[in-house]
Protein backbone atom coordinates (compact mmCIF):
# COMPACT_ATOMS: atom_id res chain seq x y z
CA MET A 1 0.00 0.00 0.00
CA ALA A 2 1.50 3.31 -1.05
CA THR A 3 2.10 5.94 1.60
CA LYS A 4 2.71 9.48 0.43
CA SER A 5 2.77 11.02 3.87
CA PRO A 6 3.23 9.42 7.30
CA THR A 7 0.38 11.40 8.77
CA ALA A 8 -3.07 11.46 7.25
CA LYS A 9 -4.92 14.76 7.39
CA ILE A 10 -7.85 14.69 9.80
CA GLN A 11 -11.08 15.80 8.21
CA LYS A 12 -12.81 18.37 10.39
CA SER A 13 -16.39 19.48 10.61
CA GLN A 14 -17.52 22.61 12.36
CA GLN A 15 -20.96 21.12 12.64
CA SER A 16 -21.36 19.27 15.91
CA PRO A 17 -23.74 16.32 15.41
CA ASP A 18 -26.78 15.94 17.60
CA GLY A 19 -28.21 12.76 19.02
CA ALA A 20 -30.52 12.27 16.06
CA GLU A 21 -27.60 12.26 13.67
CA LEU A 22 -25.73 9.72 15.80
CA GLY A 23 -28.76 7.42 15.93
CA LEU A 24 -27.86 5.17 18.87
CA LYS A 25 -29.00 1.68 17.90
CA GLN A 26 -27.44 -0.84 20.24
CA GLN A 27 -25.46 -1.30 23.40
CA ASN A 28 -21.96 -2.67 23.65
CA ILE A 29 -20.58 -3.75 27.02
CA GLY A 30 -17.23 -2.14 26.26
CA ALA A 31 -18.42 1.18 24.91
CA TYR A 32 -18.00 3.18 28.07
CA ASP A 33 -16.21 1.77 31.08
CA SER A 34 -14.65 -1.50 29.97
CA PRO A 35 -12.03 -2.30 27.33
CA PHE A 36 -13.93 -5.53 26.62
CA SER A 37 -16.64 -5.26 23.98
CA GLY A 38 -18.06 -8.78 24.20
CA VAL A 39 -17.33 -9.35 20.51
CA GLY A 40 -13.53 -9.34 20.60
CA ILE A 41 -10.69 -11.51 21.92
CA VAL A 42 -9.99 -10.71 25.57
CA HIS A 43 -6.39 -10.52 26.79
CA ASP A 44 -5.20 -8.53 29.83
CA PRO A 45 -7.42 -6.75 32.41
CA LEU A 46 -7.43 -2.97 32.65
CA TRP A 47 -4.80 -2.61 35.38
CA ALA A 48 -2.53 -5.52 34.51
CA ASP A 49 1.14 -5.10 35.28
CA SER A 50 2.75 -3.63 32.20
CA PRO A 51 5.84 -5.32 30.79
CA ARG A 52 8.98 -3.57 29.67
CA THR A 53 7.21 -2.12 26.62
CA GLY A 54 4.85 -0.13 28.85
CA VAL A 55 1.90 -1.46 26.82
CA VAL A 56 -0.86 -3.70 28.16
CA LEU A 57 -3.12 -5.30 25.57
CA HIS A 58 -6.75 -5.63 26.67
CA GLU A 59 -8.66 -6.74 23.59
CA CYS A 60 -8.40 -7.09 19.84
CA GLY A 61 -11.34 -7.68 17.55
CA TYR A 62 -12.43 -7.82 13.95
CA LEU A 63 -15.93 -7.86 12.51
CA GLU A 64 -16.42 -8.34 8.79
CA ALA A 65 -19.75 -6.49 9.02
CA ASN A 66 -19.83 -4.12 12.01
CA GLN A 67 -23.37 -2.74 12.20
CA ASN A 68 -24.90 0.02 14.31
CA TRP A 69 -21.62 1.26 15.75
CA ASN A 70 -23.34 4.20 17.45
CA PHE A 71 -22.41 5.23 20.99
CA GLN A 72 -22.90 8.61 22.64
CA SER A 73 -20.36 10.30 24.96
CA VAL A 74 -17.78 7.52 25.08
CA PHE A 75 -14.73 7.93 27.28
CA GLY A 76 -12.57 5.59 29.32
CA PRO A 77 -9.18 5.01 30.93
CA PHE A 78 -7.72 3.03 28.02
CA TRP A 79 -6.55 3.68 24.45
CA ARG A 80 -8.45 2.64 21.31
CA LEU A 81 -7.03 1.87 17.87
CA TYR A 82 -9.34 1.61 14.86
CA TYR A 83 -8.70 0.55 11.28
CA ASN A 84 -11.58 0.05 8.83
CA SER A 85 -11.05 -1.26 5.31
CA GLU A 86 -14.14 0.61 4.06
CA PRO A 87 -15.59 4.06 4.89
CA GLY A 88 -18.80 4.40 6.87
CA HIS A 89 -17.73 4.86 10.51
CA SER A 90 -16.36 7.92 12.30
CA VAL A 91 -15.37 9.18 15.74
CA VAL A 92 -16.94 12.53 16.56
CA PHE A 93 -15.50 15.14 18.90
CA GLU A 94 -17.02 18.47 19.87
CA SER A 95 -15.66 20.33 16.85
CA GLU A 96 -14.31 17.67 14.51
CA VAL A 97 -15.34 14.48 12.78
CA VAL A 98 -12.61 11.92 12.12
CA GLU A 99 -13.60 9.43 9.44
CA LEU A 100 -12.44 5.81 9.66
CA ASN A 101 -11.36 4.58 6.24
CA PRO A 102 -8.65 2.49 4.51
CA ASP A 103 -6.30 5.48 4.27
CA ARG A 104 -5.84 5.94 8.01
CA ILE A 105 -5.27 4.23 11.32
CA VAL A 106 -7.06 6.20 14.02
CA VAL A 107 -5.93 6.18 17.65
CA VAL A 108 -7.96 7.74 20.49
CA PRO A 109 -5.96 8.29 23.72
CA PRO A 110 -7.76 7.83 27.06
CA HIS A 111 -9.95 10.31 28.96
CA GLN A 112 -11.43 12.06 25.95
CA VAL A 113 -15.15 12.37 25.28
CA PHE A 114 -16.24 11.38 21.80
CA HIS A 115 -19.12 9.72 19.95
CA CYS A 116 -19.02 6.66 17.71
CA ARG A 117 -21.08 7.00 14.54
CA SER A 118 -21.87 4.60 11.71
CA THR A 119 -23.82 5.11 8.51
CA LYS A 120 -23.49 1.57 7.22
CA SER A 121 -22.10 -1.87 8.00
CA VAL A 122 -18.35 -2.09 7.31
CA PRO A 123 -15.38 -4.36 8.17
CA SER A 124 -13.83 -3.08 11.42
CA LEU A 125 -10.60 -3.86 13.23
CA TRP A 126 -9.95 -2.53 16.73
CA VAL A 127 -7.45 -2.90 19.58
CA HIS A 128 -7.96 -1.68 23.16
CA PHE A 129 -4.79 -1.18 25.20
CA SER A 130 -3.13 0.86 27.95
CA VAL A 131 0.21 2.68 27.98
CA THR A 132 2.19 3.75 31.02
CA ARG A 133 2.93 7.13 29.43
CA MET A 134 0.69 9.99 28.33
CA LEU A 135 0.90 12.14 25.25
CA SER A 136 1.55 15.85 25.61
CA GLU A 137 -1.47 18.16 25.88
CA LYS A 138 -1.00 19.47 22.35
CA MET A 139 -1.91 16.03 20.97
CA ALA A 140 -5.57 16.15 22.00
CA GLY A 141 -8.37 14.49 20.08
CA ALA A 142 -8.01 11.55 17.72
CA LEU A 143 -4.71 10.83 15.98
CA ALA A 144 -4.93 9.76 12.35
CA PHE A 145 -2.01 8.19 10.48
CA GLN A 146 -1.71 6.88 6.96
CA PRO A 147 -0.66 3.26 7.52
CA THR A 148 2.94 2.40 6.79
CA PRO A 149 3.53 -0.82 4.82
CA ALA A 150 4.45 -2.56 8.09
CA GLU A 151 1.31 -1.35 9.89
CA PHE A 152 -0.88 -2.36 6.96
CA ALA A 153 0.68 -5.83 6.83
CA LEU A 154 0.25 -6.29 10.58
CA SER A 155 -3.40 -5.23 10.42
CA GLN A 156 -4.09 -7.74 7.64
CA GLU A 157 -2.37 -10.55 9.53
CA LEU A 158 -4.22 -9.63 12.71
CA LYS A 159 -7.58 -9.83 10.92
CA GLU A 160 -6.71 -13.31 9.66
CA ALA A 161 -5.52 -14.41 13.10
CA ILE A 162 -8.76 -13.25 14.73
CA LEU A 163 -10.95 -14.95 12.13
CA GLU A 164 -9.06 -18.21 12.63
CA VAL A 165 -9.94 -18.60 16.32
CA ARG A 166 -13.11 -20.13 17.68
CA GLU A 167 -15.22 -18.70 20.48
CA LEU A 168 -12.98 -15.60 20.58
CA ARG A 169 -10.22 -17.43 22.42
CA PRO A 170 -6.92 -15.59 22.93
CA ASN A 171 -3.75 -17.19 21.65
CA ASP A 172 -0.12 -16.22 21.23
CA ARG A 173 -0.52 -15.29 17.58
CA ASN A 174 -3.36 -12.79 17.88
CA PHE A 175 -1.79 -11.40 21.07
CA ARG A 176 1.59 -10.77 19.47
CA LEU A 177 0.21 -9.41 16.23
CA ALA A 178 -2.08 -6.97 18.07
CA LYS A 179 0.74 -5.86 20.31
CA ALA A 180 3.11 -5.49 17.36
CA LEU A 181 0.58 -3.26 15.60
CA VAL A 182 0.16 -1.09 18.69
CA LEU A 183 3.92 -0.81 19.22
CA ALA A 184 4.47 0.12 15.57
CA VAL A 185 1.92 2.93 15.78
CA LEU A 186 3.20 4.19 19.13
CA ALA A 187 6.76 4.28 17.78
CA ARG A 188 5.86 6.98 15.24
CA ARG A 189 8.04 10.08 15.28
CA GLU A 190 4.94 12.31 15.15
CA LEU A 191 3.93 11.40 18.71
CA ASP A 192 5.05 13.76 21.47
CA TRP A 193 5.17 12.00 24.83
CA ASN A 194 5.18 13.24 28.39
CA PRO A 195 7.72 11.66 30.74
CA ILE A 196 6.93 8.20 32.08
CA ILE A 197 4.05 8.28 34.59
CA PRO A 198 5.45 7.68 38.09
CA GLU A 199 4.29 4.63 39.99
CA HIS A 200 2.59 6.68 42.72
CA LEU A 201 0.36 8.31 40.11
CA LEU A 202 -0.53 4.97 38.52
CA LYS A 203 -1.42 3.68 41.96
CA THR A 204 -3.70 6.67 42.54
CA GLN A 205 -5.41 6.21 39.16
CA ARG A 206 -6.12 2.56 39.93
CA HIS A 207 -7.54 3.52 43.31
CA ILE A 208 -9.94 6.00 41.67
CA GLU A 209 -11.03 3.51 39.01
CA GLU A 210 -11.75 0.82 41.58
CA ARG A 211 -13.45 3.04 44.21
CA TYR A 212 -15.17 5.82 42.28
CA GLY A 213 -18.41 5.07 44.20
CA ASP A 214 -16.78 5.78 47.56
CA GLU A 215 -15.96 9.12 49.08
CA LEU A 216 -12.69 10.18 47.49
CA THR A 217 -11.12 13.18 49.14
CA ILE A 218 -7.83 14.81 48.25
CA LYS A 219 -6.58 13.83 51.69
CA GLN A 220 -7.34 10.18 50.94
CA LEU A 221 -5.72 10.30 47.50
CA VAL A 222 -2.62 11.89 49.03
CA ARG A 223 -2.37 8.95 51.43
CA VAL A 224 -2.68 6.47 48.55
CA ALA A 225 -0.03 8.28 46.52
CA GLY A 226 2.28 8.82 49.46
CA ILE A 227 3.12 12.38 48.39
CA SER A 228 1.99 15.90 49.28
CA ALA A 229 -1.25 17.42 47.99
CA SER A 230 0.67 20.01 45.98
CA LYS A 231 2.84 17.33 44.36
CA LEU A 232 -0.23 15.24 43.50
CA ALA A 233 -1.93 18.25 41.89
CA GLU A 234 1.25 19.02 39.95
CA ASP A 235 1.51 15.44 38.67
CA PHE A 236 -2.12 15.30 37.55
CA LYS A 237 -1.63 18.59 35.72
CA ASN A 238 1.60 17.44 34.07
CA PHE A 239 0.45 13.96 33.06
CA HIS A 240 -3.31 14.36 32.54
CA GLY A 241 -3.80 18.09 32.05
CA THR A 242 -6.40 18.22 34.83
CA THR A 243 -6.84 18.20 38.60
CA PRO A 244 -7.38 15.12 40.78
CA ALA A 245 -10.94 16.30 41.56
CA LYS A 246 -11.86 16.74 37.89
CA TYR A 247 -10.34 13.36 37.09
CA VAL A 248 -12.58 11.74 39.73
CA ARG A 249 -15.67 13.56 38.41
CA GLU A 250 -14.93 12.39 34.87
CA ILE A 251 -14.78 8.76 35.94
CA ARG A 252 -18.04 9.14 37.86
CA VAL A 253 -19.83 10.72 34.90
CA ARG A 254 -18.63 7.90 32.69
CA GLU A 255 -20.09 5.34 35.07
CA ALA A 256 -23.32 7.31 35.44
CA ALA A 257 -23.74 7.45 31.65
CA SER A 258 -23.35 3.69 31.46
CA LEU A 259 -25.99 3.11 34.17
CA LEU A 260 -28.42 5.55 32.56
CA LEU A 261 -28.40 3.57 29.34
CA ARG A 262 -28.18 0.05 30.77
CA THR A 263 -30.49 0.12 33.79
CA ASN A 264 -33.82 1.47 35.01
CA GLU A 265 -32.30 2.78 38.23
CA SER A 266 -33.43 6.18 39.45
CA LEU A 267 -31.16 9.22 39.37
CA ASP A 268 -30.90 9.01 43.16
CA GLU A 269 -29.70 5.40 42.94
CA ILE A 270 -27.22 6.19 40.18
CA ALA A 271 -25.86 9.19 42.07
CA GLU A 272 -25.31 7.04 45.14
CA LYS A 273 -23.60 4.26 43.18
CA THR A 274 -21.25 6.62 41.35
CA GLY A 275 -20.10 8.63 44.35
CA PHE A 276 -22.06 11.88 43.87
CA VAL A 277 -23.47 13.44 47.04
CA ASN A 278 -26.95 13.66 45.49
CA ARG A 279 -28.81 13.62 42.16
CA PHE A 280 -28.75 17.39 41.86
CA TYR A 281 -24.98 17.65 42.05
CA MET A 282 -24.65 14.69 39.68
CA SER A 283 -26.94 16.45 37.19
CA ARG A 284 -24.85 19.63 37.26
CA VAL A 285 -21.58 17.80 36.72
CA PHE A 286 -23.07 15.42 34.15
CA LYS A 287 -24.43 18.26 32.03
CA LYS A 288 -21.12 20.11 32.18
CA VAL A 289 -19.30 17.08 30.74
CA THR A 290 -21.87 15.69 28.25
CA LYS A 291 -23.83 18.91 27.49
CA GLU A 292 -27.07 17.11 28.48
CA SER A 293 -28.84 16.48 31.75
CA PRO A 294 -28.97 12.84 32.94
CA ALA A 295 -32.72 12.65 32.30
CA ALA A 296 -32.40 14.09 28.79
CA TYR A 297 -29.42 11.86 28.06
CA ARG A 298 -31.37 8.74 29.03
CA ARG A 299 -34.53 9.83 27.23
CA LYS A 300 -32.80 10.74 23.98
CA HIS A 301 -30.20 8.02 23.62
CA ARG A 302 -31.81 5.04 25.32
CA SER A 303 -34.93 5.45 23.19
CA ARG A 304 -32.80 4.45 20.19
CA THR A 305 -31.51 1.20 21.67
CA GLY A 306 -32.72 -2.25 20.77
C-alpha cells in the first residue's frame, strides 16, 4: 500500500452532530467503562502489570460487518485503535469528525469524550490497550495516520488471526500481532510523549477507578499516593492536564452514563452508586461534561436502543 505522507490529514467538521444524527441503535458492554466489547478476543485486564514495553493489551477484535456502531459520549481510561477497510464509521468530537477509512489508522488516547457513529455496516478492526505514558497536551483528540507498509501488513495478519480462532479465544498469535501493531503505531516520530508516569500516580489512578463510588477526598488520594497534595496536583496537571478532583468527576460521569443507558435505576440510585453526594450535584456535573442532563441523556439516547 502506497504511503505518500506518514500522517493522514484529519477531516474536520464545524458542525457538531446531535443525538438524532448519531442514531444510537445498540449497546456494547465495552463502549464506556470496559475495554472488553463482548465481541472481541480478551487478553489482559485494565490494570494488569505492564511489561517492559509499557503497553498492556486488553482486547483485539475484527468484525467483517460491524453494524450500528453508534455510541454517545464515550470515554474511558484506556486507548483505542481503529482501522476500517471501508468508509462508513467515524469518531466525533465536539468540533471535529474523524472518518475511519482504509487510508488511516485512528488512535484515540484515554480520557477524551467522543461519539461513535456509523452510517453503514463495514469491516472493522480494533485494539484496546493501555500505555504507562501519556501524550503531551497538544496532541488532544483523535490521531490519524496513513498506515505504513508494516502497519498495513500487521493489520491484515491480525484480521486473519482473529478470524481463525473459535469462540474468541486468545492465543499467542493474535496477542503478538495486536501488540506489534500497537507498538508500531506508538513508535511513530509524530507522537510527542510526556515523561513516564510515576508509579505513585498509577497507583492513585487505579484507586480512583476501583473506588469511584466511595468518598474520594484529596486527603485520601494523598495517602494512597504517598506524596503531598501540591505534588499530587502538579503530577495530575503534568500527566493528565487536569486536577485530581476533575479526574474523579470524569470517571463518575462515565459510570453514570453507562448506568443511565443500561439500567432502570433512578437518578438518586445512580448518584449514590457513582459517588455523587446527590442527584442534583450529579446532574450539574453530568451536564457540564456531556452537554445534556442525565434525564435528557437517558430519554434521547436510550430510546434508540434495541
